[in-house]
Amino acid sequence: MGEEKDLRSSLSMELRRGTLALSVLSQMKEAKYGYSLVQSLEEKGISIDPNTLYPLLRRLEKQGLLESRWETGGSKPRKYYHRTDYGTQIYEELKAQWEELSEGMENLLKEEES
């Protein structure tokens, strides 16, 4: 029973992990700081733990898909991220791949119901 739960959890995490980069990139046309990004994603039905988000933001920045800048004028300093031109190009490509893949998956899953 414990192995089944671990397997379900592992497969679910694997499926989610593949969608988080696309989810984050989709929201980064305008600059956002981490907490506002968490809120934005949650409003749209995508929950993400900050302990997952911040390493992902740093990885996307290292890959050249995001840029960051510090804002120090408010009550506390915040690091804002936004998509680079390269990030937008990659986002558009991933979005097209997602749409094609999700259409195929929808067809497969509907087929099973018949």
N, C-alpha and C. Protein backbone atom coordinates (compact mmCIF):
# COMPACT_ATOMS: atom_id res chain seq x y z
N MET A 1 0.82 -1.19 0.00
CA MET A 1 0.00 0.00 0.00
C MET A 1 0.86 1.25 0.00
N GLY A 2 1.91 1.27 0.82
CA GLY A 2 2.81 2.42 0.86
C GLY A 2 3.54 2.62 -0.45
N GLU A 3 3.90 1.52 -1.12
CA GLU A 3 4.58 1.60 -2.41
C GLU A 3 3.65 2.20 -3.47
N GLU A 4 2.37 1.82 -3.43
CA GLU A 4 1.39 2.36 -4.38
C GLU A 4 1.24 3.86 -4.20
N LYS A 5 1.18 4.29 -2.95
CA LYS A 5 1.05 5.72 -2.67
C LYS A 5 2.29 6.46 -3.16
N ASP A 6 3.47 5.89 -2.92
CA ASP A 6 4.71 6.50 -3.38
C ASP A 6 4.74 6.59 -4.90
N LEU A 7 4.27 5.55 -5.57
CA LEU A 7 4.25 5.53 -7.03
C LEU A 7 3.31 6.60 -7.56
N ARG A 8 2.10 6.67 -6.99
CA ARG A 8 1.14 7.70 -7.41
C ARG A 8 1.72 9.09 -7.20
N SER A 9 2.31 9.31 -6.07
CA SER A 9 2.89 10.60 -5.74
C SER A 9 4.03 10.95 -6.70
N SER A 10 4.87 9.98 -6.99
CA SER A 10 5.99 10.19 -7.89
C SER A 10 5.53 10.51 -9.31
N LEU A 11 4.56 9.75 -9.81
CA LEU A 11 4.04 9.98 -11.16
C LEU A 11 3.33 11.33 -11.26
N SER A 12 2.58 11.66 -10.23
CA SER A 12 1.89 12.95 -10.20
C SER A 12 2.89 14.11 -10.19
N MET A 13 3.94 13.98 -9.39
CA MET A 13 4.96 15.01 -9.31
C MET A 13 5.69 15.16 -10.64
N GLU A 14 5.96 14.05 -11.28
CA GLU A 14 6.62 14.07 -12.58
C GLU A 14 5.77 14.79 -13.62
N LEU A 15 4.49 14.51 -13.63
CA LEU A 15 3.56 15.16 -14.56
C LEU A 15 3.51 16.67 -14.30
N ARG A 16 3.41 17.06 -13.04
CA ARG A 16 3.35 18.47 -12.65
C ARG A 16 4.63 19.22 -12.98
N ARG A 17 5.75 18.60 -12.69
CA ARG A 17 7.05 19.24 -12.90
C ARG A 17 7.21 19.69 -14.35
N GLY A 18 6.71 18.89 -15.27
CA GLY A 18 6.82 19.22 -16.68
C GLY A 18 6.00 20.42 -17.09
N THR A 19 5.01 20.78 -16.31
CA THR A 19 4.14 21.90 -16.68
C THR A 19 4.49 23.19 -15.97
N LEU A 20 5.27 23.14 -14.92
CA LEU A 20 5.52 24.34 -14.12
C LEU A 20 6.32 25.40 -14.86
N ALA A 21 7.32 25.01 -15.63
CA ALA A 21 8.11 26.01 -16.37
C ALA A 21 7.21 26.76 -17.35
N LEU A 22 6.37 26.04 -18.07
CA LEU A 22 5.44 26.68 -18.99
C LEU A 22 4.46 27.58 -18.24
N SER A 23 3.97 27.12 -17.10
CA SER A 23 3.05 27.92 -16.29
C SER A 23 3.70 29.24 -15.87
N VAL A 24 4.93 29.15 -15.39
CA VAL A 24 5.64 30.35 -14.94
C VAL A 24 5.91 31.28 -16.12
N LEU A 25 6.43 30.75 -17.21
CA LEU A 25 6.72 31.58 -18.38
C LEU A 25 5.47 32.28 -18.90
N SER A 26 4.33 31.63 -18.79
CA SER A 26 3.08 32.22 -19.29
C SER A 26 2.71 33.49 -18.53
N GLN A 27 3.18 33.61 -17.31
CA GLN A 27 2.80 34.75 -16.47
C GLN A 27 3.85 35.86 -16.42
N MET A 28 4.94 35.71 -17.14
CA MET A 28 6.07 36.62 -16.95
C MET A 28 6.24 37.67 -18.06
N LYS A 29 5.18 37.94 -18.81
CA LYS A 29 5.25 39.01 -19.80
C LYS A 29 5.49 40.35 -19.08
N GLU A 30 4.78 40.54 -17.98
CA GLU A 30 4.96 41.70 -17.12
C GLU A 30 5.80 41.26 -15.92
N ALA A 31 6.62 42.17 -15.42
CA ALA A 31 7.49 41.85 -14.28
C ALA A 31 6.66 41.50 -13.04
N LYS A 32 7.08 40.45 -12.36
CA LYS A 32 6.43 40.03 -11.12
C LYS A 32 7.51 39.58 -10.13
N TYR A 33 7.22 39.76 -8.86
CA TYR A 33 8.09 39.18 -7.84
C TYR A 33 7.47 37.86 -7.40
N GLY A 34 8.25 37.08 -6.70
CA GLY A 34 7.87 35.71 -6.39
C GLY A 34 6.49 35.54 -5.80
N TYR A 35 6.17 36.27 -4.73
CA TYR A 35 4.88 36.08 -4.06
C TYR A 35 3.73 36.46 -4.98
N SER A 36 3.89 37.53 -5.77
CA SER A 36 2.81 37.92 -6.68
C SER A 36 2.62 36.87 -7.77
N LEU A 37 3.68 36.19 -8.15
CA LEU A 37 3.59 35.11 -9.13
C LEU A 37 2.84 33.92 -8.54
N VAL A 38 3.14 33.58 -7.28
CA VAL A 38 2.42 32.49 -6.60
C VAL A 38 0.93 32.81 -6.60
N GLN A 39 0.56 34.04 -6.25
CA GLN A 39 -0.84 34.44 -6.20
C GLN A 39 -1.48 34.37 -7.59
N SER A 40 -0.78 34.88 -8.59
CA SER A 40 -1.29 34.89 -9.96
C SER A 40 -1.56 33.48 -10.45
N LEU A 41 -0.64 32.58 -10.20
CA LEU A 41 -0.82 31.19 -10.61
C LEU A 41 -1.97 30.53 -9.85
N GLU A 42 -2.05 30.78 -8.54
CA GLU A 42 -3.11 30.17 -7.75
C GLU A 42 -4.49 30.66 -8.18
N GLU A 43 -4.60 31.93 -8.56
CA GLU A 43 -5.87 32.46 -9.05
C GLU A 43 -6.33 31.73 -10.30
N LYS A 44 -5.39 31.19 -11.04
CA LYS A 44 -5.70 30.48 -12.28
C LYS A 44 -5.71 28.96 -12.09
N GLY A 45 -5.67 28.51 -10.84
CA GLY A 45 -5.80 27.09 -10.55
C GLY A 45 -4.51 26.29 -10.53
N ILE A 46 -3.36 26.98 -10.56
CA ILE A 46 -2.06 26.29 -10.52
C ILE A 46 -1.41 26.62 -9.18
N SER A 47 -1.35 25.64 -8.30
CA SER A 47 -0.69 25.89 -7.01
C SER A 47 0.78 25.53 -7.14
N ILE A 48 1.60 26.37 -6.53
CA ILE A 48 3.04 26.14 -6.56
C ILE A 48 3.62 26.57 -5.22
N ASP A 49 4.39 25.71 -4.65
CA ASP A 49 5.03 26.00 -3.38
C ASP A 49 6.20 26.96 -3.61
N PRO A 50 6.36 27.98 -2.78
CA PRO A 50 7.50 28.90 -2.94
C PRO A 50 8.84 28.17 -2.96
N ASN A 51 8.95 27.06 -2.24
CA ASN A 51 10.20 26.30 -2.24
C ASN A 51 10.46 25.62 -3.59
N THR A 52 9.45 25.52 -4.40
CA THR A 52 9.60 25.02 -5.77
C THR A 52 9.80 26.19 -6.73
N LEU A 53 9.07 27.27 -6.49
CA LEU A 53 9.08 28.42 -7.40
C LEU A 53 10.44 29.10 -7.47
N TYR A 54 11.03 29.43 -6.34
CA TYR A 54 12.25 30.24 -6.37
C TYR A 54 13.43 29.54 -7.07
N PRO A 55 13.65 28.25 -6.82
CA PRO A 55 14.70 27.57 -7.60
C PRO A 55 14.38 27.54 -9.10
N LEU A 56 13.09 27.40 -9.43
CA LEU A 56 12.68 27.40 -10.83
C LEU A 56 12.96 28.76 -11.47
N LEU A 57 12.64 29.85 -10.77
CA LEU A 57 12.92 31.20 -11.29
C LEU A 57 14.41 31.38 -11.54
N ARG A 58 15.22 30.94 -10.59
CA ARG A 58 16.68 31.08 -10.75
C ARG A 58 17.18 30.25 -11.94
N ARG A 59 16.62 29.05 -12.12
CA ARG A 59 17.02 28.20 -13.24
C ARG A 59 16.62 28.83 -14.57
N LEU A 60 15.41 29.35 -14.64
CA LEU A 60 14.96 30.00 -15.88
C LEU A 60 15.78 31.25 -16.19
N GLU A 61 16.20 31.94 -15.14
CA GLU A 61 17.07 33.11 -15.35
C GLU A 61 18.44 32.67 -15.85
N LYS A 62 18.98 31.63 -15.26
CA LYS A 62 20.28 31.12 -15.68
C LYS A 62 20.25 30.64 -17.14
N GLN A 63 19.10 30.13 -17.56
CA GLN A 63 18.93 29.65 -18.94
C GLN A 63 18.68 30.79 -19.93
N GLY A 64 18.56 32.02 -19.41
CA GLY A 64 18.36 33.17 -20.28
C GLY A 64 16.91 33.43 -20.65
N LEU A 65 15.96 32.74 -20.00
CA LEU A 65 14.55 32.90 -20.31
C LEU A 65 13.90 34.02 -19.51
N LEU A 66 14.48 34.33 -18.36
CA LEU A 66 14.00 35.41 -17.50
C LEU A 66 15.15 36.34 -17.17
N GLU A 67 14.81 37.58 -16.85
CA GLU A 67 15.77 38.54 -16.30
C GLU A 67 15.19 39.02 -14.97
N SER A 68 16.05 39.47 -14.10
CA SER A 68 15.57 39.97 -12.81
C SER A 68 16.20 41.32 -12.51
N ARG A 69 15.50 42.04 -11.65
CA ARG A 69 16.03 43.32 -11.15
C ARG A 69 15.47 43.53 -9.75
N TRP A 70 16.26 44.18 -8.92
CA TRP A 70 15.84 44.46 -7.55
C TRP A 70 15.14 45.80 -7.49
N GLU A 71 14.02 45.86 -6.78
CA GLU A 71 13.32 47.10 -6.47
C GLU A 71 13.50 47.34 -4.98
N THR A 72 14.08 48.46 -4.66
CA THR A 72 14.37 48.74 -3.25
C THR A 72 13.58 49.93 -2.73
N GLY A 73 12.68 50.48 -3.53
CA GLY A 73 11.94 51.68 -3.13
C GLY A 73 10.79 51.43 -2.18
N GLY A 74 10.32 50.22 -2.07
CA GLY A 74 9.17 49.93 -1.22
C GLY A 74 9.57 49.67 0.22
N SER A 75 8.63 49.06 0.95
CA SER A 75 8.88 48.77 2.36
C SER A 75 9.98 47.73 2.54
N LYS A 76 10.12 46.84 1.57
CA LYS A 76 11.21 45.86 1.61
C LYS A 76 11.67 45.59 0.18
N PRO A 77 12.94 45.26 0.00
CA PRO A 77 13.44 44.99 -1.36
C PRO A 77 12.76 43.76 -1.96
N ARG A 78 12.45 43.84 -3.25
CA ARG A 78 11.85 42.72 -3.96
C ARG A 78 12.58 42.50 -5.27
N LYS A 79 12.73 41.24 -5.61
CA LYS A 79 13.35 40.87 -6.87
C LYS A 79 12.24 40.58 -7.88
N TYR A 80 12.21 41.36 -8.94
CA TYR A 80 11.21 41.20 -9.99
C TYR A 80 11.81 40.45 -11.16
N TYR A 81 11.01 39.56 -11.73
CA TYR A 81 11.42 38.77 -12.89
C TYR A 81 10.50 39.09 -14.06
N HIS A 82 11.05 39.03 -15.26
CA HIS A 82 10.23 39.12 -16.47
C HIS A 82 10.90 38.32 -17.58
N ARG A 83 10.08 37.95 -18.58
CA ARG A 83 10.59 37.17 -19.70
C ARG A 83 11.51 38.00 -20.57
N THR A 84 12.56 37.38 -21.04
CA THR A 84 13.43 37.99 -22.04
C THR A 84 12.80 37.75 -23.42
N ASP A 85 13.36 38.36 -24.44
CA ASP A 85 12.89 38.08 -25.80
C ASP A 85 13.07 36.60 -26.11
N TYR A 86 14.21 36.05 -25.70
CA TYR A 86 14.46 34.62 -25.90
C TYR A 86 13.44 33.80 -25.12
N GLY A 87 13.13 34.24 -23.90
CA GLY A 87 12.13 33.55 -23.09
C GLY A 87 10.76 33.56 -23.74
N THR A 88 10.42 34.66 -24.40
CA THR A 88 9.14 34.74 -25.11
C THR A 88 9.12 33.78 -26.30
N GLN A 89 10.24 33.71 -27.00
CA GLN A 89 10.35 32.79 -28.14
C GLN A 89 10.17 31.35 -27.66
N ILE A 90 10.87 30.98 -26.62
CA ILE A 90 10.77 29.62 -26.07
C ILE A 90 9.36 29.36 -25.55
N TYR A 91 8.79 30.35 -24.86
CA TYR A 91 7.42 30.21 -24.35
C TYR A 91 6.45 29.92 -25.48
N GLU A 92 6.54 30.66 -26.58
CA GLU A 92 5.63 30.45 -27.72
C GLU A 92 5.80 29.05 -28.30
N GLU A 93 7.03 28.58 -28.37
CA GLU A 93 7.28 27.22 -28.88
C GLU A 93 6.71 26.16 -27.94
N LEU A 94 6.95 26.34 -26.64
CA LEU A 94 6.42 25.39 -25.65
C LEU A 94 4.90 25.40 -25.63
N LYS A 95 4.33 26.59 -25.76
CA LYS A 95 2.87 26.72 -25.78
C LYS A 95 2.28 25.94 -26.96
N ALA A 96 2.88 26.07 -28.15
CA ALA A 96 2.40 25.33 -29.32
C ALA A 96 2.53 23.83 -29.10
N GLN A 97 3.66 23.40 -28.52
CA GLN A 97 3.85 21.97 -28.23
C GLN A 97 2.81 21.49 -27.22
N TRP A 98 2.53 22.31 -26.19
CA TRP A 98 1.54 21.96 -25.18
C TRP A 98 0.17 21.79 -25.81
N GLU A 99 -0.22 22.73 -26.68
CA GLU A 99 -1.53 22.67 -27.30
C GLU A 99 -1.67 21.40 -28.14
N GLU A 100 -0.63 21.06 -28.88
CA GLU A 100 -0.65 19.84 -29.69
C GLU A 100 -0.72 18.60 -28.81
N LEU A 101 0.11 18.57 -27.78
CA LEU A 101 0.13 17.43 -26.86
C LEU A 101 -1.19 17.28 -26.11
N SER A 102 -1.72 18.38 -25.62
CA SER A 102 -2.96 18.29 -24.83
C SER A 102 -4.14 17.87 -25.71
N GLU A 103 -4.14 18.30 -26.97
CA GLU A 103 -5.19 17.86 -27.89
C GLU A 103 -5.10 16.35 -28.11
N GLY A 104 -3.88 15.88 -28.32
CA GLY A 104 -3.69 14.44 -28.49
C GLY A 104 -4.09 13.65 -27.25
N MET A 105 -3.71 14.15 -26.07
CA MET A 105 -4.07 13.47 -24.82
C MET A 105 -5.59 13.47 -24.62
N GLU A 106 -6.22 14.58 -24.94
CA GLU A 106 -7.67 14.66 -24.80
C GLU A 106 -8.34 13.61 -25.69
N ASN A 107 -7.84 13.47 -26.91
CA ASN A 107 -8.39 12.45 -27.82
C ASN A 107 -8.17 11.05 -27.27
N LEU A 108 -6.99 10.79 -26.73
CA LEU A 108 -6.71 9.47 -26.15
C LEU A 108 -7.63 9.16 -24.98
N LEU A 109 -7.80 10.13 -24.10
CA LEU A 109 -8.62 9.89 -22.91
C LEU A 109 -10.09 9.78 -23.25
N LYS A 110 -10.57 10.53 -24.24
CA LYS A 110 -11.96 10.39 -24.67
C LYS A 110 -12.19 9.04 -25.32
N GLU A 111 -11.20 8.56 -26.06
CA GLU A 111 -11.29 7.26 -26.72
C GLU A 111 -11.51 6.15 -25.69
N GLU A 112 -10.84 6.27 -24.56
CA GLU A 112 -10.96 5.26 -23.52
C GLU A 112 -12.38 5.24 -22.95
N GLU A 113 -13.03 6.39 -22.89
CA GLU A 113 -14.38 6.47 -22.33
C GLU A 113 -15.44 5.85 -23.24
N SER A 114 -15.14 5.73 -24.51
CA SER A 114 -16.13 5.20 -25.46
C SER A 114 -16.28 3.71 -25.34
